[in-house]
Amino acid sequence: MQSRLLAAGILFSSLALAVPAVFSQDQTPPPQGAQPHQRRPLPKPTNLKVLPKDISPEELVKIMRGYAGALGVECSFCHVAVPGQRRLDFASDAKEDKGIARIMIQMTRDINTQYMVQVHDPDAMPEDKHVTCGTCHRGHSMPEHFAPPKEHHGPPPSGAAEPPQ
Protein backbone atom coordinates (compact mmCIF):
# COMPACT_ATOMS: atom_id res chain seq x y z
CA MET A 1 0.00 0.00 0.00
CA GLN A 2 2.80 2.37 0.93
CA SER A 3 4.58 1.72 -2.40
CA ARG A 4 1.36 2.57 -4.29
CA LEU A 5 1.08 5.84 -2.39
CA LEU A 6 4.72 6.61 -3.11
CA ALA A 7 4.24 5.81 -6.83
CA ALA A 8 1.09 7.95 -6.96
CA GLY A 9 2.95 10.79 -5.22
CA ILE A 10 5.83 10.60 -7.69
CA LEU A 11 3.42 10.53 -10.64
CA PHE A 12 1.48 13.52 -9.30
CA SER A 13 4.72 15.44 -8.67
CA SER A 14 5.93 14.66 -12.20
CA LEU A 15 2.66 15.88 -13.70
CA ALA A 16 2.72 19.01 -11.56
CA LEU A 17 6.15 19.84 -12.96
CA ALA A 18 5.43 18.79 -16.56
CA VAL A 19 2.03 20.40 -17.16
CA PRO A 20 3.17 24.05 -16.75
CA ALA A 21 6.00 23.42 -19.22
CA VAL A 22 3.47 22.42 -21.89
CA PHE A 23 1.94 25.91 -21.96
CA SER A 24 3.88 28.74 -23.58
CA GLN A 25 3.08 32.38 -22.85
CA ASP A 26 0.50 32.47 -25.63
CA GLN A 27 -1.14 29.21 -24.54
CA THR A 28 -1.50 29.82 -20.82
CA PRO A 29 -5.11 29.07 -19.95
CA PRO A 30 -7.08 32.07 -18.64
CA PRO A 31 -7.87 32.23 -14.91
CA GLN A 32 -11.13 30.58 -13.81
CA GLY A 33 -14.08 32.61 -15.14
CA ALA A 34 -11.92 35.01 -17.20
CA GLN A 35 -12.38 35.56 -20.91
CA PRO A 36 -9.66 34.11 -23.18
CA HIS A 37 -7.02 36.69 -24.21
CA GLN A 38 -8.01 38.31 -27.48
CA ARG A 39 -5.17 39.52 -29.71
CA ARG A 40 -5.64 42.91 -31.25
CA PRO A 41 -6.24 42.70 -34.98
CA LEU A 42 -3.15 43.47 -37.01
CA PRO A 43 -3.26 46.85 -38.72
CA LYS A 44 -3.58 47.09 -42.48
CA PRO A 45 -0.08 47.23 -44.01
CA THR A 46 0.98 50.61 -45.40
CA ASN A 47 3.86 51.87 -47.55
CA LEU A 48 4.19 48.63 -49.50
CA LYS A 49 6.32 49.24 -52.59
CA VAL A 50 7.31 45.74 -53.70
CA LEU A 51 4.86 43.39 -52.00
CA PRO A 52 1.19 43.36 -53.07
CA LYS A 53 -0.74 46.32 -51.64
CA ASP A 54 -3.73 44.06 -50.88
CA ILE A 55 -1.70 41.50 -48.89
CA SER A 56 -3.33 40.46 -45.62
CA PRO A 57 -1.55 41.50 -42.42
CA GLU A 58 -1.18 37.84 -41.44
CA GLU A 59 0.42 36.91 -44.78
CA LEU A 60 2.76 39.90 -44.55
CA VAL A 61 3.91 38.86 -41.07
CA LYS A 62 4.51 35.31 -42.34
CA ILE A 63 6.62 36.60 -45.25
CA MET A 64 8.57 39.00 -43.04
CA ARG A 65 9.34 36.24 -40.54
CA GLY A 66 10.64 34.16 -43.45
CA TYR A 67 12.94 37.01 -44.53
CA ALA A 68 14.16 37.52 -40.97
CA GLY A 69 14.90 33.81 -40.61
CA ALA A 70 16.71 33.61 -43.94
CA LEU A 71 18.97 36.48 -42.86
CA GLY A 72 19.24 35.54 -39.20
CA VAL A 73 18.03 38.98 -38.11
CA GLU A 74 15.25 40.56 -36.06
CA CYS A 75 12.62 42.99 -37.35
CA SER A 76 14.69 45.93 -36.09
CA PHE A 77 17.32 45.13 -38.74
CA CYS A 78 15.12 46.90 -41.35
CA HIS A 79 12.58 48.77 -39.21
CA VAL A 80 13.19 51.75 -36.92
CA ALA A 81 11.85 52.02 -33.40
CA VAL A 82 9.12 54.52 -32.57
CA PRO A 83 10.88 57.12 -30.38
CA GLY A 84 10.14 56.59 -26.70
CA GLN A 85 8.20 53.37 -27.30
CA ARG A 86 8.95 49.67 -27.43
CA ARG A 87 7.48 49.13 -30.88
CA LEU A 88 8.65 49.50 -34.45
CA ASP A 89 7.49 51.88 -37.17
CA PHE A 90 7.03 49.35 -39.97
CA ALA A 91 5.96 51.97 -42.53
CA SER A 92 9.05 54.13 -42.08
CA ASP A 93 11.73 54.12 -44.77
CA ALA A 94 14.34 55.63 -42.43
CA LYS A 95 16.62 52.57 -42.47
CA GLU A 96 18.75 51.97 -45.55
CA ASP A 97 18.50 48.21 -44.99
CA LYS A 98 14.76 48.36 -45.72
CA GLY A 99 15.49 49.85 -49.14
CA ILE A 100 18.13 47.19 -49.78
CA ALA A 101 15.60 44.52 -48.78
CA ARG A 102 13.15 45.86 -51.36
CA ILE A 103 15.83 45.62 -54.06
CA MET A 104 16.64 42.08 -53.00
CA ILE A 105 12.97 41.05 -52.98
CA GLN A 106 12.61 42.38 -56.52
CA MET A 107 15.87 40.69 -57.56
CA THR A 108 14.76 37.24 -56.34
CA ARG A 109 11.36 37.75 -57.98
CA ASP A 110 13.05 38.62 -61.30
CA ILE A 111 15.45 35.68 -61.07
CA ASN A 112 12.55 33.30 -60.44
CA THR A 113 10.16 34.68 -63.07
CA GLN A 114 12.64 35.48 -65.84
CA TYR A 115 15.48 33.01 -65.46
CA MET A 116 14.64 30.02 -63.30
CA VAL A 117 11.59 29.23 -65.45
CA GLN A 118 14.05 28.64 -68.29
CA VAL A 119 15.80 25.84 -66.39
CA HIS A 120 14.59 22.59 -67.91
CA ASP A 121 16.64 20.10 -65.91
CA PRO A 122 14.73 16.83 -65.50
CA ASP A 123 16.78 16.02 -62.38
CA ALA A 124 15.94 19.32 -60.64
CA MET A 125 13.25 19.34 -58.00
CA PRO A 126 10.81 22.30 -58.03
CA GLU A 127 12.65 23.86 -55.06
CA ASP A 128 15.88 23.64 -57.10
CA LYS A 129 14.28 25.98 -59.65
CA HIS A 130 13.42 28.69 -57.14
CA VAL A 131 15.72 31.09 -55.31
CA THR A 132 14.94 32.69 -51.96
CA CYS A 133 16.77 35.04 -49.63
CA GLY A 134 18.16 31.95 -47.93
CA THR A 135 19.72 30.72 -51.18
CA CYS A 136 22.53 33.23 -50.70
CA HIS A 137 22.20 34.51 -47.14
CA ARG A 138 21.89 31.13 -45.38
CA GLY A 139 21.06 32.73 -42.04
CA HIS A 140 23.55 35.62 -42.29
CA SER A 141 22.68 39.29 -42.74
CA MET A 142 25.46 39.51 -45.33
CA PRO A 143 26.05 36.49 -47.56
CA GLU A 144 29.35 34.84 -46.76
CA HIS A 145 31.94 35.04 -49.50
CA PHE A 146 32.41 31.80 -51.36
CA ALA A 147 35.94 30.52 -51.71
CA PRO A 148 36.12 27.61 -54.12
CA PRO A 149 38.29 24.74 -52.98
CA LYS A 150 41.84 24.76 -54.31
CA GLU A 151 42.18 22.66 -57.43
CA HIS A 152 43.77 19.28 -57.06
CA HIS A 153 47.00 19.26 -59.05
CA GLY A 154 47.97 15.62 -58.73
CA PRO A 155 48.47 13.23 -61.65
CA PRO A 156 45.37 12.79 -63.81
CA PRO A 157 43.31 9.65 -63.30
CA SER A 158 44.46 6.75 -65.46
CA GLY A 159 43.08 7.00 -68.96
CA ALA A 160 42.47 10.75 -68.69
CA ALA A 161 44.08 13.12 -71.13
CA GLU A 162 47.12 15.04 -69.93
CA PRO A 163 46.37 18.72 -69.27
CA PRO A 164 47.83 21.16 -71.83
CA GLN A 165 51.28 22.52 -70.95
C-alpha atoms as a PDB file:
ATOM      1  CA  MET A   1       0.000   0.000   0.000  1.00  0.00           C
ATOM      2  CA  GLN A   2       2.802   2.365   0.933  1.00  0.00           C
ATOM      3  CA  SER A   3       4.579   1.715  -2.404  1.00  0.00           C
ATOM      4  CA  ARG A   4       1.359   2.568  -4.294  1.00  0.00           C
ATOM      5  CA  LEU A   5       1.083   5.844  -2.394  1.00  0.00           C
ATOM      6  CA  LEU A   6       4.721   6.605  -3.114  1.00  0.00           C
ATOM      7  CA  ALA A   7       4.244   5.806  -6.826  1.00  0.00           C
ATOM      8  CA  ALA A   8       1.094   7.952  -6.961  1.00  0.00           C
ATOM      9  CA  GLY A   9       2.947  10.787  -5.218  1.00  0.00           C
ATOM     10  CA  ILE A  10       5.829  10.595  -7.693  1.00  0.00           C
ATOM     11  CA  LEU A  11       3.424  10.526 -10.643  1.00  0.00           C
ATOM     12  CA  PHE A  12       1.476  13.516  -9.297  1.00  0.00           C
ATOM     13  CA  SER A  13       4.720  15.441  -8.670  1.00  0.00           C
ATOM     14  CA  SER A  14       5.927  14.665 -12.198  1.00  0.00           C
ATOM     15  CA  LEU A  15       2.660  15.883 -13.695  1.00  0.00           C
ATOM     16  CA  ALA A  16       2.716  19.013 -11.564  1.00  0.00           C
ATOM     17  CA  LEU A  17       6.147  19.844 -12.958  1.00  0.00           C
ATOM     18  CA  ALA A  18       5.429  18.792 -16.555  1.00  0.00           C
ATOM     19  CA  VAL A  19       2.034  20.403 -17.156  1.00  0.00           C
ATOM     20  CA  PRO A  20       3.168  24.048 -16.753  1.00  0.00           C
ATOM     21  CA  ALA A  21       6.001  23.417 -19.220  1.00  0.00           C
ATOM     22  CA  VAL A  22       3.472  22.424 -21.889  1.00  0.00           C
ATOM     23  CA  PHE A  23       1.944  25.907 -21.959  1.00  0.00           C
ATOM     24  CA  SER A  24       3.883  28.739 -23.580  1.00  0.00           C
ATOM     25  CA  GLN A  25       3.085  32.378 -22.853  1.00  0.00           C
ATOM     26  CA  ASP A  26       0.495  32.474 -25.631  1.00  0.00           C
ATOM     27  CA  GLN A  27      -1.143  29.207 -24.544  1.00  0.00           C
ATOM     28  CA  THR A  28      -1.496  29.817 -20.816  1.00  0.00           C
ATOM     29  CA  PRO A  29      -5.106  29.072 -19.946  1.00  0.00           C
ATOM     30  CA  PRO A  30      -7.079  32.075 -18.644  1.00  0.00           C
ATOM     31  CA  PRO A  31      -7.875  32.233 -14.912  1.00  0.00           C
ATOM     32  CA  GLN A  32     -11.129  30.583 -13.813  1.00  0.00           C
ATOM     33  CA  GLY A  33     -14.085  32.609 -15.138  1.00  0.00           C
ATOM     34  CA  ALA A  34     -11.920  35.005 -17.202  1.00  0.00           C
ATOM     35  CA  GLN A  35     -12.381  35.558 -20.912  1.00  0.00           C
ATOM     36  CA  PRO A  36      -9.656  34.107 -23.184  1.00  0.00           C
ATOM     37  CA  HIS A  37      -7.023  36.686 -24.210  1.00  0.00           C
ATOM     38  CA  GLN A  38      -8.006  38.313 -27.482  1.00  0.00           C
ATOM     39  CA  ARG A  39      -5.175  39.525 -29.706  1.00  0.00           C
ATOM     40  CA  ARG A  40      -5.638  42.911 -31.249  1.00  0.00           C
ATOM     41  CA  PRO A  41      -6.241  42.696 -34.978  1.00  0.00           C
ATOM     42  CA  LEU A  42      -3.145  43.465 -37.008  1.00  0.00           C
ATOM     43  CA  PRO A  43      -3.258  46.854 -38.722  1.00  0.00           C
ATOM     44  CA  LYS A  44      -3.576  47.089 -42.485  1.00  0.00           C
ATOM     45  CA  PRO A  45      -0.083  47.233 -44.006  1.00  0.00           C
ATOM     46  CA  THR A  46       0.984  50.606 -45.397  1.00  0.00           C
ATOM     47  CA  ASN A  47       3.862  51.871 -47.547  1.00  0.00           C
ATOM     48  CA  LEU A  48       4.187  48.631 -49.502  1.00  0.00           C
ATOM     49  CA  LYS A  49       6.316  49.242 -52.587  1.00  0.00           C
ATOM     50  CA  VAL A  50       7.311  45.739 -53.696  1.00  0.00           C
ATOM     51  CA  LEU A  51       4.859  43.391 -52.005  1.00  0.00           C
ATOM     52  CA  PRO A  52       1.194  43.363 -53.074  1.00  0.00           C
ATOM     53  CA  LYS A  53      -0.738  46.319 -51.636  1.00  0.00           C
ATOM     54  CA  ASP A  54      -3.725  44.056 -50.884  1.00  0.00           C
ATOM     55  CA  ILE A  55      -1.700  41.503 -48.885  1.00  0.00           C
ATOM     56  CA  SER A  56      -3.325  40.463 -45.621  1.00  0.00           C
ATOM     57  CA  PRO A  57      -1.545  41.503 -42.422  1.00  0.00           C
ATOM     58  CA  GLU A  58      -1.182  37.839 -41.440  1.00  0.00           C
ATOM     59  CA  GLU A  59       0.422  36.911 -44.776  1.00  0.00           C
ATOM     60  CA  LEU A  60       2.765  39.902 -44.547  1.00  0.00           C
ATOM     61  CA  VAL A  61       3.905  38.860 -41.067  1.00  0.00           C
ATOM     62  CA  LYS A  62       4.508  35.311 -42.340  1.00  0.00           C
ATOM     63  CA  ILE A  63       6.618  36.599 -45.250  1.00  0.00           C
ATOM     64  CA  MET A  64       8.567  39.005 -43.038  1.00  0.00           C
ATOM     65  CA  ARG A  65       9.339  36.236 -40.540  1.00  0.00           C
ATOM     66  CA  GLY A  66      10.643  34.163 -43.453  1.00  0.00           C
ATOM     67  CA  TYR A  67      12.939  37.008 -44.531  1.00  0.00           C
ATOM     68  CA  ALA A  68      14.164  37.520 -40.972  1.00  0.00           C
ATOM     69  CA  GLY A  69      14.903  33.811 -40.608  1.00  0.00           C
ATOM     70  CA  ALA A  70      16.708  33.605 -43.941  1.00  0.00           C
ATOM     71  CA  LEU A  71      18.966  36.484 -42.862  1.00  0.00           C
ATOM     72  CA  GLY A  72      19.241  35.538 -39.198  1.00  0.00           C
ATOM     73  CA  VAL A  73      18.031  38.977 -38.107  1.00  0.00           C
ATOM     74  CA  GLU A  74      15.254  40.557 -36.059  1.00  0.00           C
ATOM     75  CA  CYS A  75      12.617  42.992 -37.346  1.00  0.00           C
ATOM     76  CA  SER A  76      14.693  45.928 -36.092  1.00  0.00           C
ATOM     77  CA  PHE A  77      17.320  45.130 -38.743  1.00  0.00           C
ATOM     78  CA  CYS A  78      15.124  46.899 -41.354  1.00  0.00           C
ATOM     79  CA  HIS A  79      12.583  48.765 -39.213  1.00  0.00           C
ATOM     80  CA  VAL A  80      13.191  51.749 -36.916  1.00  0.00           C
ATOM     81  CA  ALA A  81      11.850  52.019 -33.396  1.00  0.00           C
ATOM     82  CA  VAL A  82       9.120  54.518 -32.573  1.00  0.00           C
ATOM     83  CA  PRO A  83      10.881  57.125 -30.378  1.00  0.00           C
ATOM     84  CA  GLY A  84      10.138  56.590 -26.702  1.00  0.00           C
ATOM     85  CA  GLN A  85       8.203  53.368 -27.297  1.00  0.00           C
ATOM     86  CA  ARG A  86       8.953  49.668 -27.430  1.00  0.00           C
ATOM     87  CA  ARG A  87       7.485  49.134 -30.884  1.00  0.00           C
ATOM     88  CA  LEU A  88       8.655  49.503 -34.455  1.00  0.00           C
ATOM     89  CA  ASP A  89       7.494  51.884 -37.174  1.00  0.00           C
ATOM     90  CA  PHE A  90       7.032  49.354 -39.968  1.00  0.00           C
ATOM     91  CA  ALA A  91       5.958  51.967 -42.532  1.00  0.00           C
ATOM     92  CA  SER A  92       9.053  54.134 -42.079  1.00  0.00           C
ATOM     93  CA  ASP A  93      11.726  54.121 -44.771  1.00  0.00           C
ATOM     94  CA  ALA A  94      14.342  55.626 -42.432  1.00  0.00           C
ATOM     95  CA  LYS A  95      16.621  52.568 -42.469  1.00  0.00           C
ATOM     96  CA  GLU A  96      18.747  51.973 -45.546  1.00  0.00           C
ATOM     97  CA  ASP A  97      18.496  48.210 -44.987  1.00  0.00           C
ATOM     98  CA  LYS A  98      14.763  48.363 -45.723  1.00  0.00           C
ATOM     99  CA  GLY A  99      15.494  49.848 -49.143  1.00  0.00           C
ATOM    100  CA  ILE A 100      18.127  47.194 -49.775  1.00  0.00           C
ATOM    101  CA  ALA A 101      15.605  44.519 -48.777  1.00  0.00           C
ATOM    102  CA  ARG A 102      13.154  45.858 -51.363  1.00  0.00           C
ATOM    103  CA  ILE A 103      15.828  45.625 -54.059  1.00  0.00           C
ATOM    104  CA  MET A 104      16.643  42.075 -53.000  1.00  0.00           C
ATOM    105  CA  ILE A 105      12.966  41.054 -52.983  1.00  0.00           C
ATOM    106  CA  GLN A 106      12.611  42.379 -56.524  1.00  0.00           C
ATOM    107  CA  MET A 107      15.870  40.688 -57.564  1.00  0.00           C
ATOM    108  CA  THR A 108      14.756  37.245 -56.343  1.00  0.00           C
ATOM    109  CA  ARG A 109      11.361  37.751 -57.985  1.00  0.00           C
ATOM    110  CA  ASP A 110      13.052  38.625 -61.299  1.00  0.00           C
ATOM    111  CA  ILE A 111      15.454  35.684 -61.066  1.00  0.00           C
ATOM    112  CA  ASN A 112      12.552  33.304 -60.443  1.00  0.00           C
ATOM    113  CA  THR A 113      10.158  34.675 -63.066  1.00  0.00           C
ATOM    114  CA  GLN A 114      12.641  35.483 -65.839  1.00  0.00           C
ATOM    115  CA  TYR A 115      15.483  33.012 -65.457  1.00  0.00           C
ATOM    116  CA  MET A 116      14.645  30.017 -63.299  1.00  0.00           C
ATOM    117  CA  VAL A 117      11.592  29.235 -65.450  1.00  0.00           C
ATOM    118  CA  GLN A 118      14.053  28.638 -68.286  1.00  0.00           C
ATOM    119  CA  VAL A 119      15.801  25.838 -66.393  1.00  0.00           C
ATOM    120  CA  HIS A 120      14.594  22.585 -67.908  1.00  0.00           C
ATOM    121  CA  ASP A 121      16.641  20.102 -65.907  1.00  0.00           C
ATOM    122  CA  PRO A 122      14.734  16.832 -65.501  1.00  0.00           C
ATOM    123  CA  ASP A 123      16.782  16.018 -62.379  1.00  0.00           C
ATOM    124  CA  ALA A 124      15.939  19.316 -60.638  1.00  0.00           C
ATOM    125  CA  MET A 125      13.247  19.339 -58.003  1.00  0.00           C
ATOM    126  CA  PRO A 126      10.809  22.300 -58.029  1.00  0.00           C
ATOM    127  CA  GLU A 127      12.646  23.862 -55.059  1.00  0.00           C
ATOM    128  CA  ASP A 128      15.877  23.642 -57.102  1.00  0.00           C
ATOM    129  CA  LYS A 129      14.276  25.978 -59.654  1.00  0.00           C
ATOM    130  CA  HIS A 130      13.417  28.692 -57.136  1.00  0.00           C
ATOM    131  CA  VAL A 131      15.716  31.094 -55.308  1.00  0.00           C
ATOM    132  CA  THR A 132      14.944  32.688 -51.961  1.00  0.00           C
ATOM    133  CA  CYS A 133      16.774  35.045 -49.629  1.00  0.00           C
ATOM    134  CA  GLY A 134      18.165  31.953 -47.928  1.00  0.00           C
ATOM    135  CA  THR A 135      19.719  30.717 -51.180  1.00  0.00           C
ATOM    136  CA  CYS A 136      22.534  33.228 -50.701  1.00  0.00           C
ATOM    137  CA  HIS A 137      22.205  34.513 -47.142  1.00  0.00           C
ATOM    138  CA  ARG A 138      21.890  31.129 -45.380  1.00  0.00           C
ATOM    139  CA  GLY A 139      21.063  32.730 -42.044  1.00  0.00           C
ATOM    140  CA  HIS A 140      23.547  35.622 -42.290  1.00  0.00           C
ATOM    141  CA  SER A 141      22.679  39.291 -42.738  1.00  0.00           C
ATOM    142  CA  MET A 142      25.462  39.506 -45.333  1.00  0.00           C
ATOM    143  CA  PRO A 143      26.051  36.487 -47.561  1.00  0.00           C
ATOM    144  CA  GLU A 144      29.348  34.840 -46.762  1.00  0.00           C
ATOM    145  CA  HIS A 145      31.941  35.037 -49.502  1.00  0.00           C
ATOM    146  CA  PHE A 146      32.407  31.799 -51.356  1.00  0.00           C
ATOM    147  CA  ALA A 147      35.938  30.519 -51.706  1.00  0.00           C
ATOM    148  CA  PRO A 148      36.115  27.606 -54.116  1.00  0.00           C
ATOM    149  CA  PRO A 149      38.294  24.737 -52.978  1.00  0.00           C
ATOM    150  CA  LYS A 150      41.845  24.757 -54.313  1.00  0.00           C
ATOM    151  CA  GLU A 151      42.179  22.662 -57.426  1.00  0.00           C
ATOM    152  CA  HIS A 152      43.766  19.281 -57.058  1.00  0.00           C
ATOM    153  CA  HIS A 153      47.004  19.255 -59.051  1.00  0.00           C
ATOM    154  CA  GLY A 154      47.970  15.622 -58.726  1.00  0.00           C
ATOM    155  CA  PRO A 155      48.468  13.233 -61.650  1.00  0.00           C
ATOM    156  CA  PRO A 156      45.365  12.794 -63.809  1.00  0.00           C
ATOM    157  CA  PRO A 157      43.310   9.655 -63.304  1.00  0.00           C
ATOM    158  CA  SER A 158      44.457   6.748 -65.456  1.00  0.00           C
ATOM    159  CA  GLY A 159      43.078   6.996 -68.963  1.00  0.00           C
ATOM    160  CA  ALA A 160      42.466  10.754 -68.687  1.00  0.00           C
ATOM    161  CA  ALA A 161      44.084  13.117 -71.127  1.00  0.00           C
ATOM    162  CA  GLU A 162      47.118  15.039 -69.934  1.00  0.00           C
ATOM    163  CA  PRO A 163      46.372  18.723 -69.266  1.00  0.00           C
ATOM    164  CA  PRO A 164      47.829  21.158 -71.832  1.00  0.00           C
ATOM    165  CA  GLN A 165      51.284  22.524 -70.948  1.00  0.00           C
END
